[in-house]
């Protein structure tokens, strides 16, 4: 179910996407930067392998909270969520 006033790719409702890409980016693009496609691929693979079940449970809990807030406010603007 999507809140009526939020776009389908709203950061309020897609924390997994934002968490995953933010975590991978922060893990991959640290100096020295990757110098080849292979090194980039290896860093991405390593970053994904370091994601733990506890991290994903936290993302799910945050998503569940955001959906509940969206339902309660009936899709109204939520300041500072």
PDB file of N, CA and C in Angstrom:
ATOM      1  N   UNK A   1       0.839  -1.178   0.000  1.00  0.00           N
ATOM      2  CA  UNK A   1       0.000   0.000   0.000  1.00  0.00           C
ATOM      3  C   UNK A   1       0.884   1.241   0.000  1.00  0.00           C
ATOM      4  N   UNK A   2       0.556   2.183  -0.843  1.00  0.00           N
ATOM      5  CA  UNK A   2       1.318   3.416  -0.960  1.00  0.00           C
ATOM      6  C   UNK A   2       0.493   4.562  -0.409  1.00  0.00           C
ATOM      7  N   UNK A   3       1.148   5.467   0.313  1.00  0.00           N
ATOM      8  CA  UNK A   3       0.455   6.658   0.779  1.00  0.00           C
ATOM      9  C   UNK A   3       0.042   7.485  -0.435  1.00  0.00           C
ATOM     10  N   UNK A   4      -1.159   8.014  -0.433  1.00  0.00           N
ATOM     11  CA  UNK A   4      -1.683   8.673  -1.633  1.00  0.00           C
ATOM     12  C   UNK A   4      -0.901   9.889  -2.103  1.00  0.00           C
ATOM     13  N   UNK A   5      -0.268  10.642  -1.209  1.00  0.00           N
ATOM     14  CA  UNK A   5       0.393  11.877  -1.618  1.00  0.00           C
ATOM     15  C   UNK A   5       1.899  11.738  -1.803  1.00  0.00           C
ATOM     16  N   UNK A   6       2.433  10.546  -1.619  1.00  0.00           N
ATOM     17  CA  UNK A   6       3.865  10.356  -1.761  1.00  0.00           C
ATOM     18  C   UNK A   6       4.171   9.665  -3.083  1.00  0.00           C
ATOM     19  N   UNK A   7       5.193  10.126  -3.781  1.00  0.00           N
ATOM     20  CA  UNK A   7       5.557   9.453  -5.029  1.00  0.00           C
ATOM     21  C   UNK A   7       6.033   8.031  -4.740  1.00  0.00           C
ATOM     22  N   UNK A   8       5.919   7.135  -5.716  1.00  0.00           N
ATOM     23  CA  UNK A   8       6.263   5.734  -5.476  1.00  0.00           C
ATOM     24  C   UNK A   8       7.713   5.510  -5.071  1.00  0.00           C
ATOM     25  N   UNK A   9       8.629   6.409  -5.377  1.00  0.00           N
ATOM     26  CA  UNK A   9      10.036   6.232  -5.006  1.00  0.00           C
ATOM     27  C   UNK A   9      10.421   7.190  -3.879  1.00  0.00           C
ATOM     28  N   UNK A  10       9.458   7.573  -3.071  1.00  0.00           N
ATOM     29  CA  UNK A  10       9.715   8.492  -1.973  1.00  0.00           C
ATOM     30  C   UNK A  10      10.743   7.923  -1.009  1.00  0.00           C
ATOM     31  N   UNK A  11      11.722   8.735  -0.567  1.00  0.00           N
ATOM     32  CA  UNK A  11      12.675   8.238   0.431  1.00  0.00           C
ATOM     33  C   UNK A  11      11.995   7.879   1.744  1.00  0.00           C
ATOM     34  N   UNK A  12      10.790   8.396   1.981  1.00  0.00           N
ATOM     35  CA  UNK A  12      10.060   8.027   3.189  1.00  0.00           C
ATOM     36  C   UNK A  12       9.646   6.567   3.173  1.00  0.00           C
ATOM     37  N   UNK A  13       9.503   5.999   1.985  1.00  0.00           N
ATOM     38  CA  UNK A  13       9.002   4.635   1.888  1.00  0.00           C
ATOM     39  C   UNK A  13       9.982   3.660   1.265  1.00  0.00           C
ATOM     40  N   UNK A  14      11.178   4.088   0.958  1.00  0.00           N
ATOM     41  CA  UNK A  14      12.148   3.179   0.352  1.00  0.00           C
ATOM     42  C   UNK A  14      13.486   3.195   1.091  1.00  0.00           C
ATOM     43  N   UNK A  15      13.463   3.022   2.411  1.00  0.00           N
ATOM     44  CA  UNK A  15      14.727   3.077   3.145  1.00  0.00           C
ATOM     45  C   UNK A  15      15.695   1.972   2.765  1.00  0.00           C
ATOM     46  N   UNK A  16      15.189   0.824   2.315  1.00  0.00           N
ATOM     47  CA  UNK A  16      16.115  -0.237   1.907  1.00  0.00           C
ATOM     48  C   UNK A  16      16.958   0.232   0.738  1.00  0.00           C
ATOM     49  N   UNK A  17      16.331   0.845  -0.261  1.00  0.00           N
ATOM     50  CA  UNK A  17      17.086   1.353  -1.400  1.00  0.00           C
ATOM     51  C   UNK A  17      18.115   2.376  -0.946  1.00  0.00           C
ATOM     52  N   UNK A  18      17.699   3.319  -0.127  1.00  0.00           N
ATOM     53  CA  UNK A  18      18.597   4.381   0.287  1.00  0.00           C
ATOM     54  C   UNK A  18      19.666   3.857   1.230  1.00  0.00           C
ATOM     55  N   UNK A  19      19.306   2.963   2.116  1.00  0.00           N
ATOM     56  CA  UNK A  19      20.305   2.364   3.002  1.00  0.00           C
ATOM     57  C   UNK A  19      21.328   1.578   2.190  1.00  0.00           C
ATOM     58  N   UNK A  20      20.846   0.699   1.320  1.00  0.00           N
ATOM     59  CA  UNK A  20      21.748  -0.178   0.588  1.00  0.00           C
ATOM     60  C   UNK A  20      22.728   0.614  -0.254  1.00  0.00           C
ATOM     61  N   UNK A  21      22.232   1.532  -1.064  1.00  0.00           N
ATOM     62  CA  UNK A  21      23.131   2.264  -1.949  1.00  0.00           C
ATOM     63  C   UNK A  21      24.036   3.211  -1.167  1.00  0.00           C
ATOM     64  N   UNK A  22      23.514   3.809  -0.105  1.00  0.00           N
ATOM     65  CA  UNK A  22      24.353   4.670   0.724  1.00  0.00           C
ATOM     66  C   UNK A  22      25.464   3.883   1.401  1.00  0.00           C
ATOM     67  N   UNK A  23      25.129   2.721   1.925  1.00  0.00           N
ATOM     68  CA  UNK A  23      26.118   1.879   2.590  1.00  0.00           C
ATOM     69  C   UNK A  23      27.175   1.409   1.598  1.00  0.00           C
ATOM     70  N   UNK A  24      26.733   0.944   0.438  1.00  0.00           N
ATOM     71  CA  UNK A  24      27.682   0.462  -0.575  1.00  0.00           C
ATOM     72  C   UNK A  24      28.577   1.611  -1.046  1.00  0.00           C
ATOM     73  N   UNK A  25      27.983   2.751  -1.329  1.00  0.00           N
ATOM     74  CA  UNK A  25      28.767   3.895  -1.789  1.00  0.00           C
ATOM     75  C   UNK A  25      29.807   4.298  -0.751  1.00  0.00           C
ATOM     76  N   UNK A  26      29.389   4.369   0.511  1.00  0.00           N
ATOM     77  CA  UNK A  26      30.330   4.756   1.566  1.00  0.00           C
ATOM     78  C   UNK A  26      31.426   3.717   1.761  1.00  0.00           C
ATOM     79  N   UNK A  27      31.131   2.459   1.455  1.00  0.00           N
ATOM     80  CA  UNK A  27      32.122   1.395   1.604  1.00  0.00           C
ATOM     81  C   UNK A  27      33.060   1.296   0.400  1.00  0.00           C
ATOM     82  N   UNK A  28      32.558   1.633  -0.775  1.00  0.00           N
ATOM     83  CA  UNK A  28      33.321   1.445  -2.012  1.00  0.00           C
ATOM     84  C   UNK A  28      34.201   2.650  -2.328  1.00  0.00           C
ATOM     85  N   UNK A  29      33.648   3.835  -2.172  1.00  0.00           N
ATOM     86  CA  UNK A  29      34.366   5.037  -2.599  1.00  0.00           C
ATOM     87  C   UNK A  29      35.147   5.670  -1.461  1.00  0.00           C
ATOM     88  N   UNK A  30      36.103   4.923  -0.950  1.00  0.00           N
ATOM     89  CA  UNK A  30      37.030   5.436   0.063  1.00  0.00           C
ATOM     90  C   UNK A  30      38.422   5.446  -0.560  1.00  0.00           C
ATOM     91  N   UNK A  31      39.212   6.436  -0.230  1.00  0.00           N
ATOM     92  CA  UNK A  31      40.562   6.488  -0.801  1.00  0.00           C
ATOM     93  C   UNK A  31      41.403   5.299  -0.371  1.00  0.00           C
ATOM     94  N   UNK A  32      42.245   4.826  -1.216  1.00  0.00           N
ATOM     95  CA  UNK A  32      42.362   5.213  -2.619  1.00  0.00           C
ATOM     96  C   UNK A  32      41.202   4.628  -3.425  1.00  0.00           C
ATOM     97  N   UNK A  33      40.708   5.399  -4.360  1.00  0.00           N
ATOM     98  CA  UNK A  33      39.565   4.979  -5.166  1.00  0.00           C
ATOM     99  C   UNK A  33      39.940   3.798  -6.063  1.00  0.00           C
ATOM    100  N   UNK A  34      38.943   2.978  -6.397  1.00  0.00           N
ATOM    101  CA  UNK A  34      39.226   1.849  -7.296  1.00  0.00           C
ATOM    102  C   UNK A  34      39.754   2.347  -8.638  1.00  0.00           C
ATOM    103  N   UNK A  35      40.754   1.647  -9.157  1.00  0.00           N
ATOM    104  CA  UNK A  35      41.402   2.082 -10.397  1.00  0.00           C
ATOM    105  C   UNK A  35      41.006   1.248 -11.611  1.00  0.00           C
ATOM    106  N   UNK A  36      40.242   0.188 -11.397  1.00  0.00           N
ATOM    107  CA  UNK A  36      39.841  -0.650 -12.525  1.00  0.00           C
ATOM    108  C   UNK A  36      38.427  -1.182 -12.275  1.00  0.00           C
ATOM    109  N   UNK A  37      37.751  -1.593 -13.335  1.00  0.00           N
ATOM    110  CA  UNK A  37      36.423  -2.198 -13.152  1.00  0.00           C
ATOM    111  C   UNK A  37      36.457  -3.423 -12.228  1.00  0.00           C
ATOM    112  N   UNK A  38      37.522  -4.202 -12.308  1.00  0.00           N
ATOM    113  CA  UNK A  38      37.650  -5.386 -11.451  1.00  0.00           C
ATOM    114  C   UNK A  38      37.742  -4.973  -9.984  1.00  0.00           C
ATOM    115  N   UNK A  39      38.567  -3.975  -9.700  1.00  0.00           N
ATOM    116  CA  UNK A  39      38.700  -3.505  -8.319  1.00  0.00           C
ATOM    117  C   UNK A  39      37.375  -2.926  -7.810  1.00  0.00           C
ATOM    118  N   UNK A  40      36.676  -2.197  -8.652  1.00  0.00           N
ATOM    119  CA  UNK A  40      35.368  -1.657  -8.290  1.00  0.00           C
ATOM    120  C   UNK A  40      34.394  -2.794  -7.984  1.00  0.00           C
ATOM    121  N   UNK A  41      34.346  -3.778  -8.857  1.00  0.00           N
ATOM    122  CA  UNK A  41      33.476  -4.937  -8.659  1.00  0.00           C
ATOM    123  C   UNK A  41      33.807  -5.671  -7.360  1.00  0.00           C
ATOM    124  N   UNK A  42      35.085  -5.846  -7.086  1.00  0.00           N
ATOM    125  CA  UNK A  42      35.506  -6.518  -5.853  1.00  0.00           C
ATOM    126  C   UNK A  42      35.077  -5.734  -4.614  1.00  0.00           C
ATOM    127  N   UNK A  43      35.206  -4.423  -4.673  1.00  0.00           N
ATOM    128  CA  UNK A  43      34.796  -3.594  -3.527  1.00  0.00           C
ATOM    129  C   UNK A  43      33.286  -3.667  -3.311  1.00  0.00           C
ATOM    130  N   UNK A  44      32.530  -3.634  -4.391  1.00  0.00           N
ATOM    131  CA  UNK A  44      31.068  -3.729  -4.278  1.00  0.00           C
ATOM    132  C   UNK A  44      30.684  -5.077  -3.676  1.00  0.00           C
ATOM    133  N   UNK A  45      31.284  -6.143  -4.170  1.00  0.00           N
ATOM    134  CA  UNK A  45      31.004  -7.482  -3.645  1.00  0.00           C
ATOM    135  C   UNK A  45      31.334  -7.552  -2.157  1.00  0.00           C
ATOM    136  N   UNK A  46      32.481  -7.020  -1.778  1.00  0.00           N
ATOM    137  CA  UNK A  46      32.881  -7.033  -0.368  1.00  0.00           C
ATOM    138  C   UNK A  46      31.900  -6.229   0.483  1.00  0.00           C
ATOM    139  N   UNK A  47      31.485  -5.068   0.004  1.00  0.00           N
ATOM    140  CA  UNK A  47      30.542  -4.232   0.755  1.00  0.00           C
ATOM    141  C   UNK A  47      29.227  -4.976   0.975  1.00  0.00           C
ATOM    142  N   UNK A  48      28.731  -5.638  -0.059  1.00  0.00           N
ATOM    143  CA  UNK A  48      27.477  -6.380   0.069  1.00  0.00           C
ATOM    144  C   UNK A  48      27.615  -7.557   1.027  1.00  0.00           C
ATOM    145  N   UNK A  49      28.778  -8.184   1.041  1.00  0.00           N
ATOM    146  CA  UNK A  49      29.000  -9.315   1.933  1.00  0.00           C
ATOM    147  C   UNK A  49      29.107  -8.898   3.395  1.00  0.00           C
ATOM    148  N   UNK A  50      29.363  -7.630   3.658  1.00  0.00           N
ATOM    149  CA  UNK A  50      29.484  -7.183   5.043  1.00  0.00           C
ATOM    150  C   UNK A  50      28.151  -6.766   5.656  1.00  0.00           C
ATOM    151  N   UNK A  51      27.080  -6.748   4.862  1.00  0.00           N
ATOM    152  CA  UNK A  51      25.761  -6.418   5.392  1.00  0.00           C
ATOM    153  C   UNK A  51      25.275  -7.598   6.234  1.00  0.00           C
ATOM    154  N   UNK A  52      24.923  -7.314   7.479  1.00  0.00           N
ATOM    155  CA  UNK A  52      24.507  -8.372   8.401  1.00  0.00           C
ATOM    156  C   UNK A  52      22.988  -8.452   8.500  1.00  0.00           C
ATOM    157  N   UNK A  53      22.531  -9.557   9.045  1.00  0.00           N
ATOM    158  CA  UNK A  53      21.093  -9.736   9.269  1.00  0.00           C
ATOM    159  C   UNK A  53      20.574  -8.665  10.227  1.00  0.00           C
ATOM    160  N   UNK A  54      21.364  -8.318  11.237  1.00  0.00           N
ATOM    161  CA  UNK A  54      20.939  -7.273  12.179  1.00  0.00           C
ATOM    162  C   UNK A  54      20.748  -5.934  11.478  1.00  0.00           C
ATOM    163  N   UNK A  55      21.628  -5.615  10.537  1.00  0.00           N
ATOM    164  CA  UNK A  55      21.483  -4.370   9.779  1.00  0.00           C
ATOM    165  C   UNK A  55      20.175  -4.384   8.992  1.00  0.00           C
ATOM    166  N   UNK A  56      19.881  -5.493   8.351  1.00  0.00           N
ATOM    167  CA  UNK A  56      18.655  -5.593   7.552  1.00  0.00           C
ATOM    168  C   UNK A  56      17.413  -5.571   8.428  1.00  0.00           C
ATOM    169  N   UNK A  57      17.492  -6.165   9.612  1.00  0.00           N
ATOM    170  CA  UNK A  57      16.356  -6.103  10.544  1.00  0.00           C
ATOM    171  C   UNK A  57      16.102  -4.655  10.959  1.00  0.00           C
ATOM    172  N   UNK A  58      17.166  -3.903  11.196  1.00  0.00           N
ATOM    173  CA  UNK A  58      17.010  -2.490  11.531  1.00  0.00           C
ATOM    174  C   UNK A  58      16.362  -1.700  10.406  1.00  0.00           C
ATOM    175  N   UNK A  59      16.756  -1.996   9.179  1.00  0.00           N
ATOM    176  CA  UNK A  59      16.151  -1.328   8.016  1.00  0.00           C
ATOM    177  C   UNK A  59      14.668  -1.688   7.945  1.00  0.00           C
ATOM    178  N   UNK A  60      14.352  -2.957   8.162  1.00  0.00           N
ATOM    179  CA  UNK A  60      12.953  -3.385   8.105  1.00  0.00           C
ATOM    180  C   UNK A  60      12.139  -2.702   9.205  1.00  0.00           C
ATOM    181  N   UNK A  61      12.675  -2.632  10.415  1.00  0.00           N
ATOM    182  CA  UNK A  61      11.965  -1.968  11.513  1.00  0.00           C
ATOM    183  C   UNK A  61      11.688  -0.505  11.185  1.00  0.00           C
ATOM    184  N   UNK A  62      12.678   0.175  10.607  1.00  0.00           N
ATOM    185  CA  UNK A  62      12.502   1.578  10.223  1.00  0.00           C
ATOM    186  C   UNK A  62      11.446   1.712   9.131  1.00  0.00           C
ATOM    187  N   UNK A  63      11.469   0.805   8.163  1.00  0.00           N
ATOM    188  CA  UNK A  63      10.470   0.827   7.093  1.00  0.00           C
ATOM    189  C   UNK A  63       9.074   0.617   7.662  1.00  0.00           C
ATOM    190  N   UNK A  64       8.935  -0.353   8.563  1.00  0.00           N
ATOM    191  CA  UNK A  64       7.650  -0.655   9.191  1.00  0.00           C
ATOM    192  C   UNK A  64       7.129   0.570   9.947  1.00  0.00           C
ATOM    193  N   UNK A  65       8.013   1.249  10.651  1.00  0.00           N
ATOM    194  CA  UNK A  65       7.641   2.470  11.375  1.00  0.00           C
ATOM    195  C   UNK A  65       7.148   3.547  10.405  1.00  0.00           C
ATOM    196  N   UNK A  66       7.879   3.742   9.319  1.00  0.00           N
ATOM    197  CA  UNK A  66       7.505   4.772   8.340  1.00  0.00           C
ATOM    198  C   UNK A  66       6.159   4.473   7.696  1.00  0.00           C
ATOM    199  N   UNK A  67       5.897   3.218   7.411  1.00  0.00           N
ATOM    200  CA  UNK A  67       4.603   2.846   6.836  1.00  0.00           C
ATOM    201  C   UNK A  67       3.488   3.121   7.845  1.00  0.00           C
ATOM    202  N   UNK A  68       3.714   2.782   9.112  1.00  0.00           N
ATOM    203  CA  UNK A  68       2.718   3.060  10.152  1.00  0.00           C
ATOM    204  C   UNK A  68       2.434   4.552  10.265  1.00  0.00           C
ATOM    205  N   UNK A  69       3.489   5.379  10.250  1.00  0.00           N
ATOM    206  CA  UNK A  69       3.303   6.827  10.324  1.00  0.00           C
ATOM    207  C   UNK A  69       2.525   7.314   9.108  1.00  0.00           C
ATOM    208  N   UNK A  70       2.838   6.793   7.963  1.00  0.00           N
ATOM    209  CA  UNK A  70       2.138   7.171   6.735  1.00  0.00           C
ATOM    210  C   UNK A  70       0.650   6.823   6.830  1.00  0.00           C
ATOM    211  N   UNK A  71       0.356   5.657   7.355  1.00  0.00           N
ATOM    212  CA  UNK A  71      -1.054   5.250   7.519  1.00  0.00           C
ATOM    213  C   UNK A  71      -1.773   6.159   8.499  1.00  0.00           C
ATOM    214  N   UNK A  72      -1.155   6.435   9.650  1.00  0.00           N
ATOM    215  CA  UNK A  72      -1.780   7.248  10.691  1.00  0.00           C
ATOM    216  C   UNK A  72      -2.049   8.661  10.196  1.00  0.00           C
ATOM    217  N   UNK A  73      -1.101   9.224   9.443  1.00  0.00           N
ATOM    218  CA  UNK A  73      -1.254  10.596   8.949  1.00  0.00           C
ATOM    219  C   UNK A  73      -2.025  10.655   7.640  1.00  0.00           C
ATOM    220  N   UNK A  74      -2.419   9.508   7.151  1.00  0.00           N
ATOM    221  CA  UNK A  74      -3.161   9.387   5.886  1.00  0.00           C
ATOM    222  C   UNK A  74      -2.422  10.064   4.733  1.00  0.00           C
ATOM    223  N   UNK A  75      -1.125   9.904   4.735  1.00  0.00           N
ATOM    224  CA  UNK A  75      -0.311  10.391   3.626  1.00  0.00           C
ATOM    225  C   UNK A  75       0.044  11.857   3.699  1.00  0.00           C
ATOM    226  N   UNK A  76      -0.263  12.516   4.819  1.00  0.00           N
ATOM    227  CA  UNK A  76       0.059  13.936   4.956  1.00  0.00           C
ATOM    228  C   UNK A  76       1.576  14.121   5.025  1.00  0.00           C
ATOM    229  N   UNK A  77       2.011  15.343   4.806  1.00  0.00           N
ATOM    230  CA  UNK A  77       3.433  15.663   4.909  1.00  0.00           C
ATOM    231  C   UNK A  77       3.921  15.376   6.317  1.00  0.00           C
ATOM    232  N   UNK A  78       5.062  14.732   6.422  1.00  0.00           N
ATOM    233  CA  UNK A  78       5.620  14.369   7.715  1.00  0.00           C
ATOM    234  C   UNK A  78       6.955  15.094   7.862  1.00  0.00           C
ATOM    235  N   UNK A  79       7.006  16.029   8.761  1.00  0.00           N
ATOM    236  CA  UNK A  79       8.220  16.826   8.953  1.00  0.00           C
ATOM    237  C   UNK A  79       9.228  16.065   9.782  1.00  0.00           C
ATOM    238  N   UNK A  80      10.454  15.949   9.277  1.00  0.00           N
ATOM    239  CA  UNK A  80      11.545  15.383  10.042  1.00  0.00           C
ATOM    240  C   UNK A  80      11.484  13.899  10.323  1.00  0.00           C
ATOM    241  N   UNK A  81      10.831  13.142   9.481  1.00  0.00           N
ATOM    242  CA  UNK A  81      10.746  11.694   9.700  1.00  0.00           C
ATOM    243  C   UNK A  81      12.027  11.033   9.317  1.00  0.00           C
TER     244      UNK A  81
END
